[in-house]
């Protein structure tokens, strides 16, 4: 696992398009061009350099097989990080997602984040199970938010508190006002 590089452009383009071809449970319904991926990668590498995002890829035999990130919310929610993880078909259920998630949680703690959130399709029971094992809890559900393959799918929101005392801090802060 490592942070992505500009040299990963073609690999990342092929990676995301393979997920689209597969019909994976991702938000992107259509293939993208190399130019679109270049714009995305350039933006994210700049954000990575400016500590606005943390990104990580998993590489096997010189090929990117997974991609993940923590996006940091802004303003009053700047203590919250949003996680995204995608893994190439053929590399799931071998521990890559679990290891990426562990690394993202460690990084989020180093970044001083207090809460991590993520969204998962209700049809993706295996990913949901991995998130639950890592301490994420379902905190919301948007019924039928996703329309894919002629079917409506619920979008599940999951949350993990990184600091066990966050509720006590909030109560203490509120009592001082």
Protein backbone atom coordinates (compact mmCIF):
# COMPACT_ATOMS: atom_id res chain seq x y z
CA UNK A 1 0.00 0.00 0.00
CA UNK A 2 1.22 3.47 -0.85
CA UNK A 3 0.04 6.91 -1.85
CA UNK A 4 -0.81 7.28 -5.54
CA UNK A 5 1.54 8.90 -8.05
CA UNK A 6 1.03 10.64 -11.36
CA UNK A 7 2.56 7.57 -13.03
CA UNK A 8 -0.52 5.59 -11.88
CA UNK A 9 -2.79 7.50 -14.30
CA UNK A 10 -3.24 4.73 -16.88
CA UNK A 11 -3.52 2.06 -14.18
CA UNK A 12 -6.14 4.08 -12.28
CA UNK A 13 -8.12 4.73 -15.48
CA UNK A 14 -8.16 1.02 -16.28
CA UNK A 15 -8.97 0.20 -12.64
CA UNK A 16 -12.04 2.45 -12.39
CA UNK A 17 -13.31 1.36 -15.80
CA UNK A 18 -12.97 -2.29 -14.80
CA UNK A 19 -15.27 -1.58 -11.84
CA UNK A 20 -17.80 0.08 -14.15
CA UNK A 21 -17.62 -2.90 -16.58
CA UNK A 22 -18.18 -5.28 -13.69
CA UNK A 23 -21.20 -3.36 -12.43
CA UNK A 24 -19.53 -3.02 -9.02
CA UNK A 25 -21.33 -1.22 -6.21
CA UNK A 26 -19.75 2.17 -6.86
CA UNK A 27 -21.34 5.55 -7.51
CA UNK A 28 -19.88 5.88 -11.01
CA UNK A 29 -22.21 4.35 -13.64
CA UNK A 30 -20.21 5.14 -16.80
CA UNK A 31 -16.66 4.59 -17.98
CA UNK A 32 -14.35 7.57 -17.90
CA UNK A 33 -11.73 8.82 -20.31
CA UNK A 34 -8.03 9.12 -19.58
CA UNK A 35 -8.47 12.90 -19.63
CA UNK A 36 -11.24 12.74 -17.01
CA UNK A 37 -9.09 10.53 -14.80
CA UNK A 38 -6.12 12.88 -15.29
CA UNK A 39 -8.23 15.80 -14.09
CA UNK A 40 -9.42 13.78 -11.08
CA UNK A 41 -5.92 12.53 -10.23
CA UNK A 42 -4.34 15.97 -10.62
CA UNK A 43 -6.92 17.52 -8.31
CA UNK A 44 -6.53 14.76 -5.72
CA UNK A 45 -2.73 14.80 -5.80
CA UNK A 46 -2.83 18.55 -5.16
CA UNK A 47 -5.28 18.01 -2.28
CA UNK A 48 -3.02 15.25 -0.94
CA UNK A 49 -0.05 17.60 -0.99
CA UNK A 50 -2.09 20.27 0.84
CA UNK A 51 -3.43 17.80 3.48
CA UNK A 52 -7.02 18.18 2.29
CA UNK A 53 -7.32 14.48 1.55
CA UNK A 54 -5.44 11.28 2.27
CA UNK A 55 -5.23 8.69 -0.49
CA UNK A 56 -3.82 5.20 -0.72
CA UNK A 57 -3.64 2.53 -3.40
CA UNK A 58 -2.89 -1.17 -3.09
CA UNK A 59 -0.50 -2.50 -5.69
CA UNK A 60 0.01 -6.15 -6.61
CA UNK A 61 2.68 -7.12 -9.13
CA UNK A 62 3.03 -3.49 -10.22
CA UNK A 63 -0.70 -3.04 -10.85
CA UNK A 64 -3.16 -0.91 -8.83
CA UNK A 65 -5.87 -3.25 -7.51
CA UNK A 66 -7.50 -0.99 -4.90
CA UNK A 67 -7.96 2.68 -4.20
CA UNK A 68 -9.04 4.45 -1.02
CA UNK A 69 -9.23 7.90 0.47
CA UNK A 70 -10.25 10.03 3.41
CA UNK A 71 -11.82 13.33 2.42
CA UNK A 72 -11.92 15.93 5.17
CA UNK A 73 -15.16 17.87 5.59
CA UNK A 74 -15.08 21.64 5.96
CA UNK A 75 -16.26 24.23 8.43
CA UNK A 76 -18.03 23.01 11.56
CA UNK A 77 -17.55 19.43 10.31
CA UNK A 78 -13.77 19.64 9.84
CA UNK A 79 -13.35 16.93 12.49
CA UNK A 80 -15.11 14.44 10.17
CA UNK A 81 -13.49 12.35 7.47
CA UNK A 82 -15.35 10.59 4.67
CA UNK A 83 -13.90 7.25 3.58
CA UNK A 84 -14.13 5.59 0.20
CA UNK A 85 -12.64 2.22 -0.75
CA UNK A 86 -12.83 0.34 -4.06
CA UNK A 87 -11.21 -3.02 -4.81
CA UNK A 88 -10.77 -4.70 -8.17
CA UNK A 89 -12.61 -7.95 -8.86
CA UNK A 90 -10.35 -10.90 -8.13
CA UNK A 91 -8.67 -9.12 -5.21
CA UNK A 92 -11.63 -8.96 -2.83
CA UNK A 93 -11.98 -11.22 0.18
CA UNK A 94 -8.21 -11.62 0.58
CA UNK A 95 -7.78 -8.95 3.27
CA UNK A 96 -6.85 -5.92 1.13
CA UNK A 97 -9.98 -3.99 2.13
CA UNK A 98 -9.52 -4.79 5.82
CA UNK A 99 -5.88 -3.67 5.72
CA UNK A 100 -6.73 -0.51 3.81
CA UNK A 101 -9.48 0.30 6.29
CA UNK A 102 -7.11 -0.24 9.24
CA UNK A 103 -4.51 2.02 7.63
CA UNK A 104 -7.15 4.70 6.91
CA UNK A 105 -8.33 4.64 10.54
CA UNK A 106 -4.74 5.01 11.82
CA UNK A 107 -4.15 7.87 9.40
CA UNK A 108 -7.42 9.57 10.40
CA UNK A 109 -6.34 9.45 14.04
CA UNK A 110 -2.95 10.98 13.10
CA UNK A 111 -4.84 13.70 11.23
CA UNK A 112 -6.80 14.50 14.38
CA UNK A 113 -10.15 13.46 12.96
CA UNK A 114 -12.80 12.49 15.50
CA UNK A 115 -15.40 10.81 13.30
CA UNK A 116 -15.25 8.74 10.11
CA UNK A 117 -18.23 8.25 7.83
CA UNK A 118 -18.83 6.21 4.71
CA UNK A 119 -21.63 5.13 2.44
CA UNK A 120 -22.25 1.60 1.26
CA UNK A 121 -24.86 0.10 -1.05
CA UNK A 122 -27.29 -2.11 0.88
CA UNK A 123 -26.54 -4.85 -1.66
CA UNK A 124 -22.86 -4.90 -0.64
CA UNK A 125 -23.18 -7.09 2.46
CA UNK A 126 -19.53 -8.17 2.40
CA UNK A 127 -18.22 -4.59 2.52
CA UNK A 128 -20.75 -3.69 5.22
CA UNK A 129 -19.51 -6.64 7.29
CA UNK A 130 -15.88 -5.46 6.97
CA UNK A 131 -16.90 -1.97 8.10
CA UNK A 132 -18.85 -3.38 11.07
CA UNK A 133 -15.86 -5.50 12.11
CA UNK A 134 -13.79 -2.29 12.14
CA UNK A 135 -16.29 -0.62 14.49
CA UNK A 136 -18.51 1.27 12.05
CA UNK A 137 -22.21 1.37 12.87
CA UNK A 138 -25.16 2.02 10.60
CA UNK A 139 -26.31 5.55 11.43
CA UNK A 140 -28.62 6.24 8.54
CA UNK A 141 -30.22 4.88 5.43
CA UNK A 142 -31.56 6.61 2.38
CA UNK A 143 -34.19 4.29 0.92
CA UNK A 144 -34.00 3.78 -2.83
CA UNK A 145 -31.34 6.47 -3.32
CA UNK A 146 -29.55 4.36 -5.91
CA UNK A 147 -31.18 3.12 -9.10
CA UNK A 148 -28.98 0.48 -10.69
CA UNK A 149 -29.75 -2.35 -13.05
CA UNK A 150 -33.46 -1.62 -13.00
CA UNK A 151 -33.65 -1.87 -9.19
CA UNK A 152 -33.75 0.61 -6.36
CA UNK A 153 -31.07 0.15 -3.69
CA UNK A 154 -30.84 1.72 -0.25
CA UNK A 155 -27.73 3.76 0.52
CA UNK A 156 -26.47 3.02 4.03
CA UNK A 157 -24.52 5.62 6.00
CA UNK A 158 -22.05 4.24 8.54
CA UNK A 159 -20.07 6.07 11.24
CA UNK A 160 -17.16 5.36 13.54
CA UNK A 161 -16.11 7.60 16.43
CA UNK A 162 -12.34 7.69 16.73
CA UNK A 163 -12.27 9.30 20.14
CA UNK A 164 -14.31 7.55 22.81
CA UNK A 165 -14.62 10.73 24.87
CA UNK A 166 -16.14 12.87 22.12
CA UNK A 167 -19.63 12.79 23.63
CA UNK A 168 -18.34 13.75 27.08
CA UNK A 169 -16.37 16.65 25.58
CA UNK A 170 -19.47 17.91 23.81
CA UNK A 171 -21.50 17.66 27.01
CA UNK A 172 -18.78 19.51 28.95
CA UNK A 173 -18.59 22.21 26.27
CA UNK A 174 -22.38 22.61 26.28
CA UNK A 175 -22.53 22.91 30.08
CA UNK A 176 -20.04 25.80 30.00
CA UNK A 177 -22.24 27.92 27.75
